[in-house]
Amino acid sequence: MTDSTPTVVMLSQASFVKWKKYIERRALRHTALGILDGTVSRPATPSSGSISDALQARIDKYEERKSKLASDLLETLDEGHMALIDALEIDNVKGIYDKLCDHYATKDIGTRFYSAIDLLCI
């Protein structure tokens, strides 16, 4: 029997594209792709302050998925990356992911190449 846990892909300039795909797969595994891309947010709590059991269960499930994804994402970072995201909350998965993608996407030759192609097609 083989281990179903994939090898962690550490983030670096050379591994950015592979890292991005790894994080997206981890998000899918935790049913958290919407959390990663910002299309799913924490269920809103009513202004009255009382929360039904069903709503609390939804909030708990959301927080569990977000925590698992945050753990997977942080596991791929070294000290330098931690300094880069220092101003962000540790469980702000989308913010961390976006900041790291913005940092590396501008340096990625593939991204620059496809951006140039897009400009030529205008």
N, C-alpha and C. Protein backbone atom coordinates (compact mmCIF):
# COMPACT_ATOMS: atom_id res chain seq x y z
N MET A 1 0.85 -1.17 0.00
CA MET A 1 0.00 0.00 0.00
C MET A 1 0.89 1.23 0.00
N THR A 2 0.52 2.23 -0.81
CA THR A 2 1.31 3.45 -0.90
C THR A 2 0.70 4.52 -0.01
N ASP A 3 1.54 5.43 0.42
CA ASP A 3 1.10 6.54 1.23
C ASP A 3 0.35 7.53 0.35
N SER A 4 -0.85 7.95 0.77
CA SER A 4 -1.64 8.86 -0.04
C SER A 4 -1.28 10.32 0.21
N THR A 5 -0.40 10.59 1.16
CA THR A 5 0.01 11.95 1.44
C THR A 5 1.06 12.39 0.42
N PRO A 6 0.76 13.46 -0.33
CA PRO A 6 1.73 13.90 -1.33
C PRO A 6 2.95 14.54 -0.65
N THR A 7 4.05 14.53 -1.35
CA THR A 7 5.25 15.20 -0.86
C THR A 7 4.99 16.70 -0.83
N VAL A 8 5.37 17.33 0.26
CA VAL A 8 5.18 18.77 0.39
C VAL A 8 6.07 19.49 -0.62
N VAL A 9 5.51 20.45 -1.31
CA VAL A 9 6.26 21.25 -2.28
C VAL A 9 6.59 22.58 -1.59
N MET A 10 7.86 22.76 -1.27
CA MET A 10 8.29 24.00 -0.64
C MET A 10 8.30 25.12 -1.68
N LEU A 11 7.86 26.30 -1.27
CA LEU A 11 7.78 27.43 -2.18
C LEU A 11 9.16 28.02 -2.43
N SER A 12 9.46 28.23 -3.69
CA SER A 12 10.68 28.92 -4.12
C SER A 12 10.40 29.51 -5.50
N GLN A 13 11.32 30.31 -5.97
CA GLN A 13 11.17 30.87 -7.31
C GLN A 13 11.06 29.75 -8.34
N ALA A 14 11.91 28.74 -8.20
CA ALA A 14 11.95 27.65 -9.17
C ALA A 14 10.72 26.75 -9.09
N SER A 15 10.11 26.66 -7.91
CA SER A 15 8.99 25.73 -7.73
C SER A 15 7.63 26.42 -7.69
N PHE A 16 7.57 27.71 -8.01
CA PHE A 16 6.33 28.47 -7.85
C PHE A 16 5.12 27.82 -8.53
N VAL A 17 5.24 27.46 -9.79
CA VAL A 17 4.10 26.89 -10.53
C VAL A 17 3.69 25.55 -9.91
N LYS A 18 4.68 24.73 -9.59
CA LYS A 18 4.40 23.44 -8.95
C LYS A 18 3.78 23.65 -7.57
N TRP A 19 4.28 24.63 -6.82
CA TRP A 19 3.74 24.95 -5.49
C TRP A 19 2.28 25.39 -5.59
N LYS A 20 2.00 26.25 -6.56
CA LYS A 20 0.64 26.76 -6.73
C LYS A 20 -0.34 25.61 -7.00
N LYS A 21 0.05 24.70 -7.86
CA LYS A 21 -0.80 23.54 -8.16
C LYS A 21 -0.95 22.65 -6.91
N TYR A 22 0.12 22.50 -6.15
CA TYR A 22 0.08 21.70 -4.92
C TYR A 22 -0.92 22.31 -3.92
N ILE A 23 -0.86 23.62 -3.72
CA ILE A 23 -1.77 24.28 -2.78
C ILE A 23 -3.22 24.17 -3.27
N GLU A 24 -3.43 24.31 -4.56
CA GLU A 24 -4.80 24.17 -5.10
C GLU A 24 -5.32 22.75 -4.89
N ARG A 25 -4.46 21.75 -5.07
CA ARG A 25 -4.87 20.35 -4.82
C ARG A 25 -5.18 20.14 -3.35
N ARG A 26 -4.38 20.73 -2.46
CA ARG A 26 -4.65 20.61 -1.02
C ARG A 26 -5.98 21.28 -0.68
N ALA A 27 -6.26 22.41 -1.32
CA ALA A 27 -7.54 23.09 -1.09
C ALA A 27 -8.70 22.21 -1.53
N LEU A 28 -8.54 21.56 -2.67
CA LEU A 28 -9.58 20.64 -3.14
C LEU A 28 -9.78 19.48 -2.16
N ARG A 29 -8.68 18.96 -1.65
CA ARG A 29 -8.73 17.85 -0.70
C ARG A 29 -9.54 18.22 0.54
N HIS A 30 -9.42 19.47 0.98
CA HIS A 30 -10.11 19.93 2.18
C HIS A 30 -11.45 20.61 1.86
N THR A 31 -11.91 20.49 0.62
CA THR A 31 -13.11 21.18 0.16
C THR A 31 -13.03 22.67 0.50
N ALA A 32 -11.87 23.26 0.21
CA ALA A 32 -11.63 24.64 0.61
C ALA A 32 -11.13 25.52 -0.55
N LEU A 33 -11.36 25.09 -1.77
CA LEU A 33 -10.91 25.89 -2.91
C LEU A 33 -11.61 27.25 -2.91
N GLY A 34 -12.86 27.28 -2.53
CA GLY A 34 -13.59 28.55 -2.44
C GLY A 34 -13.02 29.48 -1.39
N ILE A 35 -12.50 28.92 -0.32
CA ILE A 35 -11.84 29.73 0.71
C ILE A 35 -10.55 30.31 0.14
N LEU A 36 -9.81 29.49 -0.58
CA LEU A 36 -8.54 29.93 -1.17
C LEU A 36 -8.74 31.04 -2.20
N ASP A 37 -9.76 30.90 -3.05
CA ASP A 37 -9.96 31.91 -4.10
C ASP A 37 -10.92 33.03 -3.70
N GLY A 38 -11.45 32.95 -2.48
CA GLY A 38 -12.29 34.03 -1.97
C GLY A 38 -13.75 33.97 -2.35
N THR A 39 -14.18 32.90 -3.01
CA THR A 39 -15.58 32.79 -3.40
C THR A 39 -16.46 32.26 -2.27
N VAL A 40 -15.84 31.72 -1.23
CA VAL A 40 -16.57 31.24 -0.06
C VAL A 40 -16.03 31.97 1.16
N SER A 41 -16.93 32.53 1.95
CA SER A 41 -16.50 33.22 3.16
C SER A 41 -17.18 32.60 4.38
N ARG A 42 -16.72 33.01 5.53
CA ARG A 42 -17.28 32.49 6.78
C ARG A 42 -18.76 32.82 6.84
N PRO A 43 -19.59 31.86 7.23
CA PRO A 43 -21.03 32.16 7.36
C PRO A 43 -21.24 33.34 8.32
N ALA A 44 -22.12 34.23 7.94
CA ALA A 44 -22.39 35.42 8.75
C ALA A 44 -23.18 35.05 10.00
N THR A 45 -22.85 35.71 11.07
CA THR A 45 -23.62 35.51 12.31
C THR A 45 -24.68 36.59 12.39
N PRO A 46 -25.85 36.24 12.91
CA PRO A 46 -26.93 37.22 12.98
C PRO A 46 -26.59 38.35 13.96
N SER A 47 -27.14 39.52 13.69
CA SER A 47 -26.87 40.68 14.56
C SER A 47 -27.46 40.49 15.96
N SER A 48 -28.44 39.59 16.08
CA SER A 48 -29.05 39.35 17.39
C SER A 48 -28.09 38.66 18.35
N GLY A 49 -27.07 38.05 17.80
CA GLY A 49 -26.07 37.40 18.65
C GLY A 49 -26.35 35.94 18.94
N SER A 50 -27.60 35.50 18.78
CA SER A 50 -27.89 34.09 19.02
C SER A 50 -27.65 33.30 17.74
N ILE A 51 -26.95 32.20 17.90
CA ILE A 51 -26.59 31.37 16.74
C ILE A 51 -27.25 30.01 16.89
N SER A 52 -27.93 29.58 15.84
CA SER A 52 -28.57 28.27 15.87
C SER A 52 -27.50 27.18 15.83
N ASP A 53 -27.88 26.00 16.22
CA ASP A 53 -26.95 24.87 16.18
C ASP A 53 -26.50 24.59 14.75
N ALA A 54 -27.42 24.72 13.80
CA ALA A 54 -27.09 24.46 12.40
C ALA A 54 -26.07 25.48 11.89
N LEU A 55 -26.28 26.76 12.23
CA LEU A 55 -25.34 27.80 11.81
C LEU A 55 -23.99 27.59 12.49
N GLN A 56 -24.00 27.24 13.77
CA GLN A 56 -22.74 27.00 14.47
C GLN A 56 -21.98 25.84 13.83
N ALA A 57 -22.70 24.81 13.41
CA ALA A 57 -22.07 23.67 12.75
C ALA A 57 -21.43 24.11 11.43
N ARG A 58 -22.12 24.98 10.67
CA ARG A 58 -21.57 25.49 9.40
C ARG A 58 -20.32 26.33 9.65
N ILE A 59 -20.37 27.16 10.68
CA ILE A 59 -19.21 28.00 11.02
C ILE A 59 -18.03 27.12 11.43
N ASP A 60 -18.30 26.12 12.27
CA ASP A 60 -17.25 25.20 12.72
C ASP A 60 -16.63 24.46 11.54
N LYS A 61 -17.45 23.99 10.61
CA LYS A 61 -16.95 23.27 9.44
C LYS A 61 -16.09 24.20 8.57
N TYR A 62 -16.54 25.42 8.38
CA TYR A 62 -15.77 26.40 7.61
C TYR A 62 -14.40 26.63 8.27
N GLU A 63 -14.41 26.86 9.58
CA GLU A 63 -13.16 27.12 10.30
C GLU A 63 -12.22 25.91 10.26
N GLU A 64 -12.79 24.72 10.32
CA GLU A 64 -11.98 23.50 10.23
C GLU A 64 -11.30 23.39 8.86
N ARG A 65 -12.08 23.62 7.80
CA ARG A 65 -11.51 23.56 6.45
C ARG A 65 -10.43 24.62 6.27
N LYS A 66 -10.70 25.84 6.75
CA LYS A 66 -9.74 26.93 6.62
C LYS A 66 -8.46 26.63 7.41
N SER A 67 -8.60 26.07 8.60
CA SER A 67 -7.43 25.74 9.42
C SER A 67 -6.57 24.67 8.78
N LYS A 68 -7.20 23.66 8.21
CA LYS A 68 -6.44 22.60 7.53
C LYS A 68 -5.66 23.16 6.35
N LEU A 69 -6.32 24.01 5.58
CA LEU A 69 -5.66 24.61 4.42
C LEU A 69 -4.54 25.55 4.87
N ALA A 70 -4.78 26.34 5.90
CA ALA A 70 -3.75 27.24 6.42
C ALA A 70 -2.53 26.45 6.87
N SER A 71 -2.77 25.34 7.54
CA SER A 71 -1.68 24.49 8.00
C SER A 71 -0.87 23.95 6.82
N ASP A 72 -1.56 23.47 5.80
CA ASP A 72 -0.88 22.95 4.60
C ASP A 72 -0.07 24.05 3.91
N LEU A 73 -0.66 25.24 3.81
CA LEU A 73 0.01 26.34 3.14
C LEU A 73 1.25 26.78 3.93
N LEU A 74 1.11 26.97 5.23
CA LEU A 74 2.23 27.42 6.05
C LEU A 74 3.36 26.40 6.10
N GLU A 75 3.01 25.13 5.95
CA GLU A 75 4.02 24.07 5.95
C GLU A 75 5.00 24.20 4.78
N THR A 76 4.59 24.91 3.73
CA THR A 76 5.42 25.03 2.53
C THR A 76 6.34 26.25 2.56
N LEU A 77 6.30 27.02 3.63
CA LEU A 77 7.03 28.28 3.68
C LEU A 77 8.27 28.21 4.57
N ASP A 78 9.29 28.94 4.18
CA ASP A 78 10.49 29.04 5.01
C ASP A 78 10.46 30.37 5.77
N GLU A 79 11.51 30.67 6.50
CA GLU A 79 11.58 31.88 7.31
C GLU A 79 11.40 33.16 6.48
N GLY A 80 12.00 33.18 5.30
CA GLY A 80 11.87 34.35 4.44
C GLY A 80 10.44 34.62 4.02
N HIS A 81 9.72 33.55 3.71
CA HIS A 81 8.31 33.71 3.33
C HIS A 81 7.48 34.15 4.53
N MET A 82 7.81 33.62 5.70
CA MET A 82 7.08 34.00 6.91
C MET A 82 7.25 35.50 7.16
N ALA A 83 8.44 36.04 6.90
CA ALA A 83 8.67 37.47 7.06
C ALA A 83 7.86 38.27 6.05
N LEU A 84 7.73 37.73 4.84
CA LEU A 84 6.98 38.39 3.78
C LEU A 84 5.50 38.54 4.14
N ILE A 85 4.96 37.55 4.84
CA ILE A 85 3.53 37.56 5.18
C ILE A 85 3.29 37.96 6.63
N ASP A 86 4.30 38.48 7.29
CA ASP A 86 4.24 38.80 8.71
C ASP A 86 3.07 39.70 9.10
N ALA A 87 2.71 40.64 8.25
CA ALA A 87 1.64 41.59 8.57
C ALA A 87 0.25 40.96 8.49
N LEU A 88 0.15 39.78 7.92
CA LEU A 88 -1.16 39.13 7.75
C LEU A 88 -1.46 38.20 8.93
N GLU A 89 -2.74 38.04 9.21
CA GLU A 89 -3.16 37.08 10.23
C GLU A 89 -2.78 35.68 9.76
N ILE A 90 -2.37 34.84 10.68
CA ILE A 90 -1.86 33.51 10.35
C ILE A 90 -2.93 32.63 9.70
N ASP A 91 -4.21 32.90 9.94
CA ASP A 91 -5.27 32.09 9.33
C ASP A 91 -5.94 32.78 8.14
N ASN A 92 -5.35 33.86 7.66
CA ASN A 92 -5.87 34.56 6.48
C ASN A 92 -5.34 33.85 5.23
N VAL A 93 -5.92 32.70 4.93
CA VAL A 93 -5.43 31.84 3.86
C VAL A 93 -5.41 32.56 2.52
N LYS A 94 -6.50 33.19 2.17
CA LYS A 94 -6.57 33.88 0.88
C LYS A 94 -5.54 35.00 0.81
N GLY A 95 -5.42 35.79 1.87
CA GLY A 95 -4.46 36.88 1.90
C GLY A 95 -3.02 36.40 1.74
N ILE A 96 -2.69 35.33 2.46
CA ILE A 96 -1.34 34.76 2.37
C ILE A 96 -1.08 34.23 0.97
N TYR A 97 -2.02 33.46 0.46
CA TYR A 97 -1.89 32.87 -0.88
C TYR A 97 -1.73 33.97 -1.94
N ASP A 98 -2.59 34.99 -1.88
CA ASP A 98 -2.54 36.07 -2.85
C ASP A 98 -1.22 36.83 -2.77
N LYS A 99 -0.75 37.11 -1.56
CA LYS A 99 0.51 37.84 -1.39
C LYS A 99 1.68 37.06 -1.98
N LEU A 100 1.71 35.75 -1.70
CA LEU A 100 2.79 34.93 -2.23
C LEU A 100 2.70 34.80 -3.75
N CYS A 101 1.49 34.63 -4.26
CA CYS A 101 1.32 34.55 -5.72
C CYS A 101 1.72 35.86 -6.39
N ASP A 102 1.32 36.99 -5.80
CA ASP A 102 1.70 38.28 -6.37
C ASP A 102 3.22 38.44 -6.37
N HIS A 103 3.85 38.01 -5.29
CA HIS A 103 5.30 38.13 -5.17
C HIS A 103 6.02 37.32 -6.25
N TYR A 104 5.56 36.10 -6.49
CA TYR A 104 6.26 35.22 -7.45
C TYR A 104 5.74 35.33 -8.87
N ALA A 105 4.48 35.64 -9.05
CA ALA A 105 3.92 35.67 -10.40
C ALA A 105 4.60 36.73 -11.26
N THR A 106 4.98 37.84 -10.66
CA THR A 106 5.64 38.89 -11.43
C THR A 106 7.05 38.47 -11.85
N LYS A 107 7.61 37.47 -11.18
CA LYS A 107 8.96 37.01 -11.50
C LYS A 107 8.95 35.75 -12.35
N ASP A 108 7.78 35.14 -12.51
CA ASP A 108 7.67 33.87 -13.23
C ASP A 108 7.72 34.12 -14.73
N ILE A 109 8.65 33.50 -15.42
CA ILE A 109 8.84 33.70 -16.86
C ILE A 109 7.58 33.31 -17.64
N GLY A 110 6.91 32.25 -17.22
CA GLY A 110 5.69 31.83 -17.90
C GLY A 110 4.61 32.87 -17.80
N THR A 111 4.46 33.47 -16.63
CA THR A 111 3.46 34.51 -16.43
C THR A 111 3.79 35.73 -17.29
N ARG A 112 5.07 36.11 -17.29
CA ARG A 112 5.46 37.26 -18.11
C ARG A 112 5.24 36.97 -19.59
N PHE A 113 5.54 35.75 -20.02
CA PHE A 113 5.36 35.37 -21.41
C PHE A 113 3.89 35.47 -21.82
N TYR A 114 3.00 34.88 -21.00
CA TYR A 114 1.59 34.90 -21.35
C TYR A 114 0.99 36.30 -21.23
N SER A 115 1.51 37.13 -20.34
CA SER A 115 1.06 38.52 -20.26
C SER A 115 1.45 39.25 -21.54
N ALA A 116 2.65 38.98 -22.07
CA ALA A 116 3.09 39.61 -23.31
C ALA A 116 2.22 39.15 -24.48
N ILE A 117 1.87 37.89 -24.51
CA ILE A 117 0.99 37.35 -25.57
C ILE A 117 -0.37 38.05 -25.48
N ASP A 118 -0.91 38.20 -24.26
CA ASP A 118 -2.20 38.87 -24.08
C ASP A 118 -2.14 40.30 -24.62
N LEU A 119 -1.05 40.99 -24.34
CA LEU A 119 -0.91 42.36 -24.83
C LEU A 119 -0.87 42.41 -26.35
N LEU A 120 -0.20 41.45 -26.96
CA LEU A 120 -0.10 41.41 -28.42
C LEU A 120 -1.46 41.11 -29.08
N CYS A 121 -2.33 40.44 -28.34
CA CYS A 121 -3.63 40.07 -28.90
C CYS A 121 -4.67 41.18 -28.78
N ILE A 122 -4.32 42.27 -28.12
CA ILE A 122 -5.28 43.37 -27.92
C ILE A 122 -5.50 44.11 -29.22
